[in-house]
Amino acid sequence: MKDYVVRMVDELNELQTKAEKLNIFIEQNDIYKSLPQEKQDLMRDQWHAMCLYIDILNKRIALEEE
């Protein structure tokens, strides 16, 4: 595997871990529920952006593996 693809895979793995932790915080942590709505909305927006980035990285990696 080429070096830049390895870096993309590493980045993907790190991002997936962070997105999963953020999702758990949003879904299960009472602190999240106590935050002002604007902060909650921004965290949800961040999680959605992370998911979109994960999808993009997956597609780029798949293209390199063809």
PDB file of N, CA and C in Angstrom:
ATOM      1  N   MET A   1       0.849  -1.177   0.000  1.00  0.00           N
ATOM      2  CA  MET A   1       0.000   0.000   0.000  1.00  0.00           C
ATOM      3  C   MET A   1       0.896   1.242   0.000  1.00  0.00           C
ATOM      4  N   LYS A   2       0.536   2.214  -0.813  1.00  0.00           N
ATOM      5  CA  LYS A   2       1.325   3.437  -0.920  1.00  0.00           C
ATOM      6  C   LYS A   2       1.255   4.232   0.379  1.00  0.00           C
ATOM      7  N   ASP A   3       2.309   5.010   0.626  1.00  0.00           N
ATOM      8  CA  ASP A   3       2.415   5.777   1.871  1.00  0.00           C
ATOM      9  C   ASP A   3       1.214   6.691   2.108  1.00  0.00           C
ATOM     10  N   TYR A   4       0.760   7.392   1.070  1.00  0.00           N
ATOM     11  CA  TYR A   4      -0.347   8.328   1.256  1.00  0.00           C
ATOM     12  C   TYR A   4      -1.658   7.596   1.540  1.00  0.00           C
ATOM     13  N   VAL A   5      -1.784   6.389   1.045  1.00  0.00           N
ATOM     14  CA  VAL A   5      -2.982   5.597   1.342  1.00  0.00           C
ATOM     15  C   VAL A   5      -2.935   5.127   2.800  1.00  0.00           C
ATOM     16  N   VAL A   6      -1.772   4.749   3.254  1.00  0.00           N
ATOM     17  CA  VAL A   6      -1.596   4.363   4.657  1.00  0.00           C
ATOM     18  C   VAL A   6      -1.964   5.534   5.559  1.00  0.00           C
ATOM     19  N   ARG A   7      -1.540   6.733   5.179  1.00  0.00           N
ATOM     20  CA  ARG A   7      -1.879   7.919   5.972  1.00  0.00           C
ATOM     21  C   ARG A   7      -3.391   8.166   5.979  1.00  0.00           C
ATOM     22  N   MET A   8      -4.036   7.942   4.822  1.00  0.00           N
ATOM     23  CA  MET A   8      -5.497   8.108   4.782  1.00  0.00           C
ATOM     24  C   MET A   8      -6.189   7.084   5.683  1.00  0.00           C
ATOM     25  N   VAL A   9      -5.696   5.857   5.665  1.00  0.00           N
ATOM     26  CA  VAL A   9      -6.283   4.809   6.515  1.00  0.00           C
ATOM     27  C   VAL A   9      -6.085   5.162   7.985  1.00  0.00           C
ATOM     28  N   ASP A  10      -4.908   5.637   8.334  1.00  0.00           N
ATOM     29  CA  ASP A  10      -4.652   6.060   9.717  1.00  0.00           C
ATOM     30  C   ASP A  10      -5.586   7.196  10.122  1.00  0.00           C
ATOM     31  N   GLU A  11      -5.730   8.166   9.237  1.00  0.00           N
ATOM     32  CA  GLU A  11      -6.615   9.295   9.504  1.00  0.00           C
ATOM     33  C   GLU A  11      -8.060   8.825   9.655  1.00  0.00           C
ATOM     34  N   LEU A  12      -8.472   7.910   8.796  1.00  0.00           N
ATOM     35  CA  LEU A  12      -9.815   7.352   8.868  1.00  0.00           C
ATOM     36  C   LEU A  12     -10.053   6.667  10.214  1.00  0.00           C
ATOM     37  N   ASN A  13      -9.107   5.860  10.633  1.00  0.00           N
ATOM     38  CA  ASN A  13      -9.254   5.155  11.911  1.00  0.00           C
ATOM     39  C   ASN A  13      -9.367   6.119  13.085  1.00  0.00           C
ATOM     40  N   GLU A  14      -8.525   7.146  13.090  1.00  0.00           N
ATOM     41  CA  GLU A  14      -8.576   8.146  14.161  1.00  0.00           C
ATOM     42  C   GLU A  14      -9.900   8.899  14.145  1.00  0.00           C
ATOM     43  N   LEU A  15     -10.341   9.267  12.967  1.00  0.00           N
ATOM     44  CA  LEU A  15     -11.585  10.013  12.835  1.00  0.00           C
ATOM     45  C   LEU A  15     -12.784   9.171  13.256  1.00  0.00           C
ATOM     46  N   GLN A  16     -12.780   7.897  12.885  1.00  0.00           N
ATOM     47  CA  GLN A  16     -13.874   7.019  13.294  1.00  0.00           C
ATOM     48  C   GLN A  16     -13.952   6.897  14.811  1.00  0.00           C
ATOM     49  N   THR A  17     -12.806   6.793  15.457  1.00  0.00           N
ATOM     50  CA  THR A  17     -12.767   6.718  16.918  1.00  0.00           C
ATOM     51  C   THR A  17     -13.328   7.993  17.542  1.00  0.00           C
ATOM     52  N   LYS A  18     -12.902   9.134  17.029  1.00  0.00           N
ATOM     53  CA  LYS A  18     -13.382  10.413  17.568  1.00  0.00           C
ATOM     54  C   LYS A  18     -14.877  10.598  17.321  1.00  0.00           C
ATOM     55  N   ALA A  19     -15.341  10.231  16.139  1.00  0.00           N
ATOM     56  CA  ALA A  19     -16.762  10.370  15.816  1.00  0.00           C
ATOM     57  C   ALA A  19     -17.602   9.461  16.709  1.00  0.00           C
ATOM     58  N   GLU A  20     -17.109   8.259  16.951  1.00  0.00           N
ATOM     59  CA  GLU A  20     -17.830   7.326  17.828  1.00  0.00           C
ATOM     60  C   GLU A  20     -17.918   7.874  19.249  1.00  0.00           C
ATOM     61  N   LYS A  21     -16.821   8.429  19.753  1.00  0.00           N
ATOM     62  CA  LYS A  21     -16.823   8.996  21.104  1.00  0.00           C
ATOM     63  C   LYS A  21     -17.774  10.190  21.202  1.00  0.00           C
ATOM     64  N   LEU A  22     -17.774  11.030  20.176  1.00  0.00           N
ATOM     65  CA  LEU A  22     -18.672  12.174  20.177  1.00  0.00           C
ATOM     66  C   LEU A  22     -20.124  11.714  20.138  1.00  0.00           C
ATOM     67  N   ASN A  23     -20.417  10.711  19.326  1.00  0.00           N
ATOM     68  CA  ASN A  23     -21.779  10.195  19.242  1.00  0.00           C
ATOM     69  C   ASN A  23     -22.235   9.609  20.579  1.00  0.00           C
ATOM     70  N   ILE A  24     -21.356   8.903  21.251  1.00  0.00           N
ATOM     71  CA  ILE A  24     -21.693   8.352  22.566  1.00  0.00           C
ATOM     72  C   ILE A  24     -21.977   9.490  23.547  1.00  0.00           C
ATOM     73  N   PHE A  25     -21.158  10.523  23.506  1.00  0.00           N
ATOM     74  CA  PHE A  25     -21.376  11.680  24.382  1.00  0.00           C
ATOM     75  C   PHE A  25     -22.738  12.306  24.100  1.00  0.00           C
ATOM     76  N   ILE A  26     -23.062  12.482  22.834  1.00  0.00           N
ATOM     77  CA  ILE A  26     -24.334  13.099  22.456  1.00  0.00           C
ATOM     78  C   ILE A  26     -25.509  12.234  22.882  1.00  0.00           C
ATOM     79  N   GLU A  27     -25.401  10.949  22.671  1.00  0.00           N
ATOM     80  CA  GLU A  27     -26.530  10.048  22.904  1.00  0.00           C
ATOM     81  C   GLU A  27     -26.697   9.624  24.364  1.00  0.00           C
ATOM     82  N   GLN A  28     -25.603   9.610  25.135  1.00  0.00           N
ATOM     83  CA  GLN A  28     -25.684   8.969  26.441  1.00  0.00           C
ATOM     84  C   GLN A  28     -25.270   9.831  27.627  1.00  0.00           C
ATOM     85  N   ASN A  29     -24.704  10.989  27.389  1.00  0.00           N
ATOM     86  CA  ASN A  29     -24.153  11.758  28.504  1.00  0.00           C
ATOM     87  C   ASN A  29     -25.124  12.859  28.939  1.00  0.00           C
ATOM     88  N   ASP A  30     -25.416  12.890  30.217  1.00  0.00           N
ATOM     89  CA  ASP A  30     -26.320  13.914  30.753  1.00  0.00           C
ATOM     90  C   ASP A  30     -25.746  15.318  30.643  1.00  0.00           C
ATOM     91  N   ILE A  31     -24.417  15.430  30.608  1.00  0.00           N
ATOM     92  CA  ILE A  31     -23.797  16.747  30.455  1.00  0.00           C
ATOM     93  C   ILE A  31     -24.228  17.358  29.121  1.00  0.00           C
ATOM     94  N   TYR A  32     -24.253  16.544  28.074  1.00  0.00           N
ATOM     95  CA  TYR A  32     -24.680  17.044  26.770  1.00  0.00           C
ATOM     96  C   TYR A  32     -26.084  17.631  26.856  1.00  0.00           C
ATOM     97  N   LYS A  33     -26.970  16.914  27.518  1.00  0.00           N
ATOM     98  CA  LYS A  33     -28.367  17.344  27.620  1.00  0.00           C
ATOM     99  C   LYS A  33     -28.512  18.636  28.420  1.00  0.00           C
ATOM    100  N   SER A  34     -27.519  18.945  29.271  1.00  0.00           N
ATOM    101  CA  SER A  34     -27.586  20.161  30.084  1.00  0.00           C
ATOM    102  C   SER A  34     -26.989  21.377  29.375  1.00  0.00           C
ATOM    103  N   LEU A  35     -26.362  21.172  28.218  1.00  0.00           N
ATOM    104  CA  LEU A  35     -25.736  22.271  27.491  1.00  0.00           C
ATOM    105  C   LEU A  35     -26.796  23.131  26.804  1.00  0.00           C
ATOM    106  N   PRO A  36     -26.467  24.391  26.557  1.00  0.00           N
ATOM    107  CA  PRO A  36     -27.378  25.244  25.795  1.00  0.00           C
ATOM    108  C   PRO A  36     -27.628  24.635  24.405  1.00  0.00           C
ATOM    109  N   GLN A  37     -28.795  24.910  23.853  1.00  0.00           N
ATOM    110  CA  GLN A  37     -29.182  24.313  22.571  1.00  0.00           C
ATOM    111  C   GLN A  37     -28.173  24.608  21.464  1.00  0.00           C
ATOM    112  N   GLU A  38     -27.625  25.816  21.447  1.00  0.00           N
ATOM    113  CA  GLU A  38     -26.660  26.166  20.403  1.00  0.00           C
ATOM    114  C   GLU A  38     -25.432  25.261  20.452  1.00  0.00           C
ATOM    115  N   LYS A  39     -24.944  24.963  21.648  1.00  0.00           N
ATOM    116  CA  LYS A  39     -23.790  24.068  21.780  1.00  0.00           C
ATOM    117  C   LYS A  39     -24.153  22.650  21.363  1.00  0.00           C
ATOM    118  N   GLN A  40     -25.346  22.202  21.734  1.00  0.00           N
ATOM    119  CA  GLN A  40     -25.795  20.880  21.308  1.00  0.00           C
ATOM    120  C   GLN A  40     -25.860  20.802  19.777  1.00  0.00           C
ATOM    121  N   ASP A  41     -26.429  21.838  19.174  1.00  0.00           N
ATOM    122  CA  ASP A  41     -26.558  21.866  17.718  1.00  0.00           C
ATOM    123  C   ASP A  41     -25.193  21.831  17.041  1.00  0.00           C
ATOM    124  N   LEU A  42     -24.247  22.586  17.575  1.00  0.00           N
ATOM    125  CA  LEU A  42     -22.909  22.614  16.998  1.00  0.00           C
ATOM    126  C   LEU A  42     -22.221  21.257  17.118  1.00  0.00           C
ATOM    127  N   MET A  43     -22.410  20.577  18.228  1.00  0.00           N
ATOM    128  CA  MET A  43     -21.820  19.246  18.389  1.00  0.00           C
ATOM    129  C   MET A  43     -22.431  18.258  17.404  1.00  0.00           C
ATOM    130  N   ARG A  44     -23.735  18.337  17.213  1.00  0.00           N
ATOM    131  CA  ARG A  44     -24.390  17.467  16.225  1.00  0.00           C
ATOM    132  C   ARG A  44     -23.895  17.792  14.810  1.00  0.00           C
ATOM    133  N   ASP A  45     -23.743  19.081  14.513  1.00  0.00           N
ATOM    134  CA  ASP A  45     -23.207  19.480  13.211  1.00  0.00           C
ATOM    135  C   ASP A  45     -21.796  18.932  13.018  1.00  0.00           C
ATOM    136  N   GLN A  46     -20.986  19.014  14.076  1.00  0.00           N
ATOM    137  CA  GLN A  46     -19.621  18.497  14.012  1.00  0.00           C
ATOM    138  C   GLN A  46     -19.646  16.998  13.741  1.00  0.00           C
ATOM    139  N   TRP A  47     -20.518  16.266  14.424  1.00  0.00           N
ATOM    140  CA  TRP A  47     -20.604  14.819  14.233  1.00  0.00           C
ATOM    141  C   TRP A  47     -21.019  14.499  12.792  1.00  0.00           C
ATOM    142  N   HIS A  48     -21.977  15.243  12.262  1.00  0.00           N
ATOM    143  CA  HIS A  48     -22.408  15.013  10.876  1.00  0.00           C
ATOM    144  C   HIS A  48     -21.262  15.294   9.898  1.00  0.00           C
ATOM    145  N   ALA A  49     -20.502  16.349  10.145  1.00  0.00           N
ATOM    146  CA  ALA A  49     -19.361  16.672   9.284  1.00  0.00           C
ATOM    147  C   ALA A  49     -18.307  15.567   9.351  1.00  0.00           C
ATOM    148  N   MET A  50     -18.082  15.046  10.536  1.00  0.00           N
ATOM    149  CA  MET A  50     -17.128  13.957  10.700  1.00  0.00           C
ATOM    150  C   MET A  50     -17.585  12.723   9.914  1.00  0.00           C
ATOM    151  N   CYS A  51     -18.875  12.445   9.960  1.00  0.00           N
ATOM    152  CA  CYS A  51     -19.418  11.291   9.221  1.00  0.00           C
ATOM    153  C   CYS A  51     -19.253  11.481   7.719  1.00  0.00           C
ATOM    154  N   LEU A  52     -19.479  12.685   7.238  1.00  0.00           N
ATOM    155  CA  LEU A  52     -19.290  12.974   5.819  1.00  0.00           C
ATOM    156  C   LEU A  52     -17.820  12.789   5.438  1.00  0.00           C
ATOM    157  N   TYR A  53     -16.918  13.269   6.279  1.00  0.00           N
ATOM    158  CA  TYR A  53     -15.485  13.126   6.030  1.00  0.00           C
ATOM    159  C   TYR A  53     -15.092  11.649   6.026  1.00  0.00           C
ATOM    160  N   ILE A  54     -15.660  10.858   6.925  1.00  0.00           N
ATOM    161  CA  ILE A  54     -15.403   9.416   6.951  1.00  0.00           C
ATOM    162  C   ILE A  54     -15.831   8.782   5.634  1.00  0.00           C
ATOM    163  N   ASP A  55     -17.005   9.147   5.135  1.00  0.00           N
ATOM    164  CA  ASP A  55     -17.483   8.616   3.861  1.00  0.00           C
ATOM    165  C   ASP A  55     -16.532   8.972   2.717  1.00  0.00           C
ATOM    166  N   ILE A  56     -16.063  10.213   2.712  1.00  0.00           N
ATOM    167  CA  ILE A  56     -15.144  10.656   1.662  1.00  0.00           C
ATOM    168  C   ILE A  56     -13.834   9.880   1.722  1.00  0.00           C
ATOM    169  N   LEU A  57     -13.283   9.734   2.919  1.00  0.00           N
ATOM    170  CA  LEU A  57     -12.037   8.979   3.055  1.00  0.00           C
ATOM    171  C   LEU A  57     -12.226   7.529   2.619  1.00  0.00           C
ATOM    172  N   ASN A  58     -13.335   6.920   2.981  1.00  0.00           N
ATOM    173  CA  ASN A  58     -13.607   5.538   2.553  1.00  0.00           C
ATOM    174  C   ASN A  58     -13.635   5.427   1.030  1.00  0.00           C
ATOM    175  N   LYS A  59     -14.275   6.377   0.367  1.00  0.00           N
ATOM    176  CA  LYS A  59     -14.348   6.361  -1.096  1.00  0.00           C
ATOM    177  C   LYS A  59     -12.979   6.566  -1.725  1.00  0.00           C
ATOM    178  N   ARG A  60     -12.190   7.487  -1.172  1.00  0.00           N
ATOM    179  CA  ARG A  60     -10.847   7.727  -1.711  1.00  0.00           C
ATOM    180  C   ARG A  60      -9.965   6.501  -1.542  1.00  0.00           C
ATOM    181  N   ILE A  61     -10.060   5.858  -0.389  1.00  0.00           N
ATOM    182  CA  ILE A  61      -9.253   4.653  -0.141  1.00  0.00           C
ATOM    183  C   ILE A  61      -9.687   3.542  -1.086  1.00  0.00           C
ATOM    184  N   ALA A  62     -10.992   3.374  -1.277  1.00  0.00           N
ATOM    185  CA  ALA A  62     -11.500   2.340  -2.182  1.00  0.00           C
ATOM    186  C   ALA A  62     -10.996   2.570  -3.604  1.00  0.00           C
ATOM    187  N   LEU A  63     -10.959   3.824  -4.035  1.00  0.00           N
ATOM    188  CA  LEU A  63     -10.455   4.127  -5.376  1.00  0.00           C
ATOM    189  C   LEU A  63      -8.978   3.753  -5.523  1.00  0.00           C
ATOM    190  N   GLU A  64      -8.223   3.964  -4.474  1.00  0.00           N
ATOM    191  CA  GLU A  64      -6.788   3.630  -4.516  1.00  0.00           C
ATOM    192  C   GLU A  64      -6.560   2.123  -4.493  1.00  0.00           C
ATOM    193  N   GLU A  65      -7.505   1.389  -3.980  1.00  0.00           N
ATOM    194  CA  GLU A  65      -7.348  -0.071  -3.884  1.00  0.00           C
ATOM    195  C   GLU A  65      -7.803  -0.803  -5.139  1.00  0.00           C
ATOM    196  N   GLU A  66      -8.376  -0.059  -6.095  1.00  0.00           N
ATOM    197  CA  GLU A  66      -8.835  -0.679  -7.348  1.00  0.00           C
ATOM    198  C   GLU A  66      -7.677  -1.051  -8.231  1.00  0.00           C
TER     199      GLU A  66
END
